[in-house]
Amino acid sequence: MAERSARPTLEEVAARAGVGRGTVSRVVNGSPRVSAQAREAVLKAIDELGYVPNRAARSLVTRRTDTVALVVAESEQRLFGEPYFAGIVRGISTVLGDTGLQLLLALARSPQEYARLADYLTPQHVDGVLLASLHAQDPLPARLEAGGTPTVLGGRPPGVTPVSYVDADNRSGAREAVEHLVRTGRRRIATIAGPQDMGVGIDRLTGYRDALTAAGLPELVAYGDFGEPSGIAAAEELLARDPALDAVFAADDPMALGALRVLRRHGRDVPGDVAVVGFDDSAAAPLADPPLTTVHQSEEEMGREMARLLVSRIRGEAVAEPVVILPTRLVVRESA
């Protein structure tokens, strides 16, 4: 007997299970409108025949692609070099793994790539979009929503009002970090702020200023891009502007680690001469020399909440709280 080469059809599954073609289709598409007995017979026939659903044909019927895109408006170096993004992806994958939705990762490293992505991210290609690391008044979220693609953002973007986003309580976390420095006797507290075209950069700088205003202390600000090299450059700038500074609050851990390098190079003891506090509580923080005091936020929880909101919107469920703000907490270690 010749070996079977053609893939089994829906009709063959129906015949083997002793049910109609429509029943098989409902089982394959996860419909609850099937009896337990019929479902068991169909699943048994699928297993025996080795049936694999035709995704293209299925999408024509269901108008679903079973694909979700995660768009990161950063370079590969930033995406794979900073722990923040790894945590986000892990959290998203945890939720999507239980839904059957596939995750498509897309980088937008230039305006040209961003424009091509905007044309691609339609309901014909994806069921929904997760956007991370948005800058300035980005028009993409509104364009996707207007085109019928449910969208959830990671972080509050400045200048736009998205339908749904997830963020940490960045302002409160930064304020708590600087209040800790004030309580421990620091009076010349500098900050390495993040980009001011991002909500996270704006909020953490605002929290720093809140604490200094309440304490009646002057501010000293330099800016970075959330990467360690920018933290090194900013710390050099701050020391040149005020050699007597006695504390640095950096808007993320990589920039704080850069500041530690600079202070060591200049012979400043941490925390004896200068205290240092970061933000993120990354895996590198407790391994730093000295271990880094930092503000804890859960990137994985952020990713999970982003995916949870998007899945609900894709399914057409009512979302009671389309904006989720996650709490932060200060983790005190030896650097401050």
Protein backbone atom coordinates (compact mmCIF):
# COMPACT_ATOMS: atom_id res chain seq x y z
CA MET A 1 0.00 0.00 0.00
CA ALA A 2 1.41 3.40 -1.00
CA GLU A 3 2.30 5.82 1.82
CA ARG A 4 -0.20 8.59 2.27
CA SER A 5 1.25 11.94 1.13
CA ALA A 6 -1.72 14.33 1.07
CA ARG A 7 -2.54 16.15 4.31
CA PRO A 8 -5.83 15.09 5.93
CA THR A 9 -8.82 17.29 5.24
CA LEU A 10 -11.54 18.63 7.50
CA GLU A 11 -14.00 16.32 5.73
CA GLU A 12 -11.87 13.25 6.50
CA VAL A 13 -11.71 14.20 10.16
CA ALA A 14 -15.50 14.62 10.19
CA ALA A 15 -16.01 11.20 8.58
CA ARG A 16 -13.62 9.50 11.02
CA ALA A 17 -15.32 11.16 14.01
CA GLY A 18 -18.84 10.53 12.73
CA VAL A 19 -19.83 14.20 12.94
CA GLY A 20 -20.54 17.02 10.51
CA ARG A 21 -17.88 19.28 9.03
CA GLY A 22 -19.22 22.24 11.01
CA THR A 23 -18.68 20.40 14.30
CA VAL A 24 -15.03 19.76 13.42
CA SER A 25 -14.61 23.43 12.50
CA ARG A 26 -16.05 24.53 15.85
CA VAL A 27 -13.71 22.21 17.76
CA VAL A 28 -10.67 23.43 15.81
CA ASN A 29 -11.61 27.07 16.43
CA GLY A 30 -12.22 26.54 20.14
CA SER A 31 -15.96 27.17 20.09
CA PRO A 32 -17.83 26.12 23.26
CA ARG A 33 -20.89 25.16 21.18
CA VAL A 34 -19.87 21.49 20.97
CA SER A 35 -20.86 18.61 23.22
CA ALA A 36 -18.13 16.92 25.25
CA GLN A 37 -18.77 13.63 23.44
CA ALA A 38 -18.46 15.20 19.97
CA ARG A 39 -15.35 17.15 21.01
CA GLU A 40 -13.68 13.97 22.27
CA ALA A 41 -14.49 12.13 19.02
CA VAL A 42 -13.12 14.98 16.89
CA LEU A 43 -9.91 15.28 18.92
CA LYS A 44 -9.41 11.52 18.67
CA ALA A 45 -9.85 11.64 14.88
CA ILE A 46 -7.46 14.60 14.59
CA ASP A 47 -4.84 12.67 16.54
CA GLU A 48 -5.29 9.49 14.50
CA LEU A 49 -5.14 11.27 11.12
CA GLY A 50 -2.48 13.80 12.04
CA TYR A 51 -4.70 16.67 10.94
CA VAL A 52 -3.15 20.17 11.05
CA PRO A 53 -5.51 23.14 10.60
CA ASN A 54 -4.85 25.35 7.60
CA ARG A 55 -4.11 28.68 9.30
CA ALA A 56 -4.59 30.73 6.16
CA ALA A 57 -8.01 29.26 5.47
CA ARG A 58 -8.93 29.49 9.12
CA SER A 59 -8.05 33.20 9.24
CA LEU A 60 -10.40 33.87 6.34
CA VAL A 61 -13.26 32.40 8.36
CA THR A 62 -12.39 33.72 11.81
CA ARG A 63 -10.82 37.01 10.64
CA ARG A 64 -8.04 36.27 13.12
CA THR A 65 -4.33 35.78 12.48
CA ASP A 66 -3.44 34.38 15.93
CA THR A 67 -0.42 36.70 15.90
CA VAL A 68 0.47 39.60 18.19
CA ALA A 69 3.30 42.02 17.39
CA LEU A 70 5.64 43.54 19.96
CA VAL A 71 7.18 46.68 18.49
CA VAL A 72 10.28 48.15 20.18
CA ALA A 73 11.43 51.52 18.90
CA GLU A 74 15.09 50.86 19.75
CA SER A 75 18.21 49.27 18.28
CA GLU A 76 19.16 45.60 18.69
CA GLN A 77 21.91 46.70 21.08
CA ARG A 78 19.40 48.34 23.41
CA LEU A 79 16.86 45.54 23.08
CA PHE A 80 19.25 42.70 23.89
CA GLY A 81 21.65 44.65 26.11
CA GLU A 82 19.26 46.10 28.68
CA PRO A 83 17.46 43.83 31.18
CA TYR A 84 14.27 45.91 31.03
CA PHE A 85 13.26 44.55 27.63
CA ALA A 86 14.06 40.93 28.51
CA GLY A 87 11.69 41.14 31.47
CA ILE A 88 8.94 42.65 29.33
CA VAL A 89 9.25 39.85 26.75
CA ARG A 90 9.21 37.14 29.44
CA GLY A 91 6.04 38.56 30.95
CA ILE A 92 4.30 38.83 27.58
CA SER A 93 5.30 35.29 26.61
CA THR A 94 3.95 33.90 29.88
CA VAL A 95 0.46 35.20 29.12
CA LEU A 96 0.41 34.49 25.39
CA GLY A 97 1.61 30.93 25.96
CA ASP A 98 -1.82 30.06 27.37
CA THR A 99 -3.80 31.64 24.53
CA GLY A 100 -2.41 30.10 21.33
CA LEU A 101 -1.32 33.55 20.13
CA GLN A 102 2.13 33.79 18.52
CA LEU A 103 4.46 36.69 19.36
CA LEU A 104 6.10 38.60 16.50
CA LEU A 105 9.01 40.84 17.55
CA ALA A 106 9.64 43.92 15.40
CA LEU A 107 12.32 46.58 15.77
CA ALA A 108 11.88 50.11 14.49
CA ARG A 109 15.38 51.54 14.22
CA SER A 110 14.71 54.31 11.72
CA PRO A 111 11.81 56.44 10.46
CA GLN A 112 11.75 54.35 7.28
CA GLU A 113 11.39 51.09 9.22
CA TYR A 114 8.74 52.69 11.41
CA ALA A 115 6.73 53.74 8.35
CA ARG A 116 6.91 50.22 6.88
CA LEU A 117 5.78 48.74 10.16
CA ALA A 118 2.83 51.11 10.34
CA ASP A 119 1.70 49.87 6.92
CA TYR A 120 2.14 46.22 7.95
CA LEU A 121 0.46 46.25 11.37
CA THR A 122 -3.12 45.91 10.11
CA PRO A 123 -5.84 43.41 11.08
CA GLN A 124 -4.89 41.41 7.96
CA HIS A 125 -1.48 40.62 9.51
CA VAL A 126 -1.86 40.85 13.30
CA ASP A 127 -4.65 40.63 15.86
CA GLY A 128 -3.09 43.26 18.10
CA VAL A 129 0.06 45.26 18.83
CA LEU A 130 2.15 45.87 21.95
CA LEU A 131 4.34 48.98 21.77
CA ALA A 132 7.35 49.57 24.02
CA SER A 133 9.81 52.45 24.41
CA LEU A 134 7.83 55.12 22.59
CA HIS A 135 9.36 58.54 22.09
CA ALA A 136 7.80 61.99 21.78
CA GLN A 137 4.34 62.46 20.26
CA ASP A 138 4.33 59.18 18.40
CA PRO A 139 1.41 58.95 15.93
CA LEU A 140 1.56 55.14 15.59
CA PRO A 141 -0.76 54.18 18.51
CA ALA A 142 -3.59 56.39 17.25
CA ARG A 143 -3.05 55.22 13.67
CA LEU A 144 -3.25 51.55 14.67
CA GLU A 145 -6.40 52.06 16.73
CA ALA A 146 -8.03 54.04 13.92
CA GLY A 147 -7.24 51.17 11.54
CA GLY A 148 -8.92 48.63 13.81
CA THR A 149 -5.81 47.09 15.42
CA PRO A 150 -6.11 46.87 19.23
CA THR A 151 -2.99 48.37 20.80
CA VAL A 152 -1.51 48.43 24.31
CA LEU A 153 1.52 50.52 25.25
CA GLY A 154 4.32 49.82 27.70
CA GLY A 155 4.83 53.18 29.38
CA ARG A 156 2.99 56.48 29.22
CA PRO A 157 3.98 58.37 26.09
CA PRO A 158 4.19 62.16 26.33
CA GLY A 159 1.82 64.25 24.27
CA VAL A 160 -0.69 61.53 23.37
CA THR A 161 -3.61 59.85 25.11
CA PRO A 162 -3.54 56.12 24.29
CA VAL A 163 -6.52 53.83 24.68
CA SER A 164 -4.60 51.49 26.96
CA TYR A 165 -1.18 51.38 28.59
CA VAL A 166 0.76 49.86 31.48
CA ASP A 167 3.38 51.77 33.44
CA ALA A 168 5.25 51.79 36.74
CA ASP A 169 4.64 54.56 39.24
CA ASN A 170 7.84 56.26 38.11
CA ARG A 171 7.26 59.63 39.76
CA SER A 172 6.55 58.12 43.17
CA GLY A 173 9.49 55.72 42.90
CA ALA A 174 11.93 58.50 42.04
CA ARG A 175 10.60 60.69 44.84
CA GLU A 176 11.04 57.85 47.36
CA ALA A 177 14.64 57.31 46.19
CA VAL A 178 15.59 60.96 46.65
CA GLU A 179 13.73 61.22 49.97
CA HIS A 180 15.92 58.33 51.18
CA LEU A 181 19.03 60.29 50.21
CA VAL A 182 17.74 63.37 52.04
CA ARG A 183 16.97 61.32 55.18
CA THR A 184 20.53 59.97 55.22
CA GLY A 185 21.96 63.47 55.27
CA ARG A 186 22.75 64.12 51.61
CA ARG A 187 22.42 67.77 50.58
CA ARG A 188 24.02 68.08 47.13
CA ILE A 189 21.97 65.51 45.25
CA ALA A 190 22.43 65.25 41.50
CA THR A 191 20.42 63.23 39.01
CA ILE A 192 21.17 61.51 35.73
CA ALA A 193 17.78 61.88 34.05
CA GLY A 194 16.43 59.80 31.19
CA PRO A 195 15.34 61.11 27.77
CA GLN A 196 12.76 63.87 28.07
CA ASP A 197 10.89 62.70 24.99
CA MET A 198 9.73 59.64 26.98
CA GLY A 199 7.13 59.58 29.75
CA VAL A 200 9.41 57.50 31.99
CA GLY A 201 12.21 60.05 31.66
CA ILE A 202 9.88 62.95 32.43
CA ASP A 203 8.21 61.24 35.41
CA ARG A 204 11.44 60.17 37.11
CA LEU A 205 12.90 63.66 36.77
CA THR A 206 9.68 65.13 38.17
CA GLY A 207 9.85 62.78 41.17
CA TYR A 208 13.45 63.88 41.82
CA ARG A 209 12.38 67.52 41.72
CA ASP A 210 9.39 66.85 44.00
CA ALA A 211 11.67 65.52 46.73
CA LEU A 212 14.24 68.32 46.41
CA THR A 213 11.58 71.03 46.47
CA ALA A 214 10.06 69.56 49.62
CA ALA A 215 13.51 69.49 51.26
CA GLY A 216 14.47 72.97 50.06
CA LEU A 217 17.55 71.68 48.21
CA PRO A 218 18.94 72.79 44.82
CA GLU A 219 18.83 70.52 41.79
CA LEU A 220 21.72 69.40 39.61
CA VAL A 221 20.66 67.63 36.42
CA ALA A 222 22.50 65.87 33.58
CA TYR A 223 20.84 63.73 30.93
CA GLY A 224 21.41 60.24 29.57
CA ASP A 225 19.66 57.76 27.27
CA PHE A 226 19.21 54.91 29.82
CA GLY A 227 22.41 53.21 28.59
CA GLU A 228 25.55 52.77 30.72
CA PRO A 229 27.83 54.83 28.41
CA SER A 230 25.50 57.81 28.79
CA GLY A 231 25.62 57.37 32.56
CA ILE A 232 29.42 57.56 32.43
CA ALA A 233 29.33 60.77 30.37
CA ALA A 234 26.66 62.35 32.60
CA ALA A 235 28.52 61.50 35.82
CA GLU A 236 31.70 63.10 34.45
CA GLU A 237 29.67 66.21 33.61
CA LEU A 238 28.10 66.36 37.07
CA LEU A 239 31.44 66.02 38.86
CA ALA A 240 32.93 68.78 36.72
CA ARG A 241 29.99 71.08 37.50
CA ASP A 242 29.89 70.33 41.23
CA PRO A 243 32.90 68.43 42.66
CA ALA A 244 31.27 68.59 46.12
CA LEU A 245 28.14 66.63 45.17
CA ASP A 246 27.38 63.93 47.72
CA ALA A 247 24.68 61.83 45.99
CA VAL A 248 23.55 60.74 42.53
CA PHE A 249 20.12 59.44 41.63
CA ALA A 250 20.20 57.80 38.21
CA ALA A 251 16.96 57.19 36.31
CA ASP A 252 17.88 53.56 35.64
CA ASP A 253 20.40 50.97 36.82
CA PRO A 254 22.70 50.96 33.76
CA MET A 255 23.27 54.71 34.14
CA ALA A 256 23.82 54.24 37.89
CA LEU A 257 26.43 51.56 37.16
CA GLY A 258 28.13 54.01 34.81
CA ALA A 259 28.19 56.58 37.61
CA LEU A 260 29.80 54.05 39.97
CA ARG A 261 32.61 53.55 37.44
CA VAL A 262 33.25 57.27 37.19
CA LEU A 263 33.23 57.82 40.95
CA ARG A 264 35.70 54.96 41.43
CA ARG A 265 37.94 56.41 38.73
CA HIS A 266 37.92 59.78 40.53
CA GLY A 267 38.75 58.21 43.87
CA ARG A 268 35.34 58.89 45.44
CA ASP A 269 34.20 56.38 48.03
CA VAL A 270 30.65 55.05 47.63
CA PRO A 271 28.72 55.64 49.82
CA GLY A 272 31.17 57.48 52.08
CA ASP A 273 31.75 60.42 49.73
CA VAL A 274 28.91 59.98 47.25
CA ALA A 275 25.77 57.85 47.58
CA VAL A 276 24.31 56.32 44.42
CA VAL A 277 20.74 55.15 43.77
CA GLY A 278 19.40 53.60 40.56
CA PHE A 279 16.00 52.57 39.26
CA ASP A 280 14.81 49.12 37.99
CA ASP A 281 16.35 46.67 40.49
CA SER A 282 17.98 44.81 37.63
CA ALA A 283 19.88 41.55 38.07
CA ALA A 284 23.13 43.55 37.98
CA ALA A 285 22.18 45.78 40.94
CA PRO A 286 23.03 43.39 43.81
CA LEU A 287 26.23 42.35 42.00
CA ALA A 288 27.60 45.90 41.69
CA ASP A 289 30.54 47.13 43.77
CA PRO A 290 29.13 48.21 46.15
CA PRO A 291 25.69 46.59 45.74
CA LEU A 292 23.32 49.16 44.30
CA THR A 293 20.43 50.75 46.16
CA THR A 294 17.65 51.02 43.60
CA VAL A 295 13.92 51.31 43.01
CA HIS A 296 12.29 47.98 42.25
CA GLN A 297 9.84 47.66 39.39
CA SER A 298 8.70 44.37 37.88
CA GLU A 299 9.26 44.34 34.12
CA GLU A 300 7.76 40.86 33.92
CA GLU A 301 4.59 42.03 35.63
CA MET A 302 4.43 44.94 33.21
CA GLY A 303 4.72 42.53 30.29
CA ARG A 304 2.03 40.28 31.75
CA GLU A 305 -0.37 43.18 32.27
CA MET A 306 0.26 44.48 28.74
CA ALA A 307 -0.50 41.06 27.26
CA ARG A 308 -3.53 40.54 29.51
CA LEU A 309 -5.06 43.83 28.43
CA LEU A 310 -4.38 43.15 24.76
CA VAL A 311 -5.84 39.64 24.84
CA SER A 312 -9.01 41.01 26.47
CA ARG A 313 -9.32 43.67 23.78
CA ILE A 314 -8.72 41.15 20.97
CA ARG A 315 -11.50 38.97 22.39
CA GLY A 316 -13.84 41.95 22.55
CA GLU A 317 -14.13 41.80 26.33
CA ALA A 318 -14.96 44.89 28.35
CA VAL A 319 -11.80 46.26 29.99
CA ALA A 320 -12.72 47.93 33.27
CA GLU A 321 -9.25 49.48 33.79
CA PRO A 322 -7.49 50.12 30.44
CA VAL A 323 -4.66 51.94 32.23
CA VAL A 324 -2.61 50.01 34.81
CA ILE A 325 -0.02 51.72 37.04
CA LEU A 326 2.18 49.27 38.91
CA PRO A 327 3.68 50.10 42.32
CA THR A 328 7.41 50.48 42.96
CA ARG A 329 9.47 50.10 46.14
CA LEU A 330 12.93 51.15 47.27
CA VAL A 331 15.50 48.37 47.80
CA VAL A 332 18.27 49.64 50.10
CA ARG A 333 21.74 48.17 49.63
CA GLU A 334 25.27 49.36 50.38
CA SER A 335 25.59 52.16 47.76
CA ALA A 336 23.27 54.53 49.65
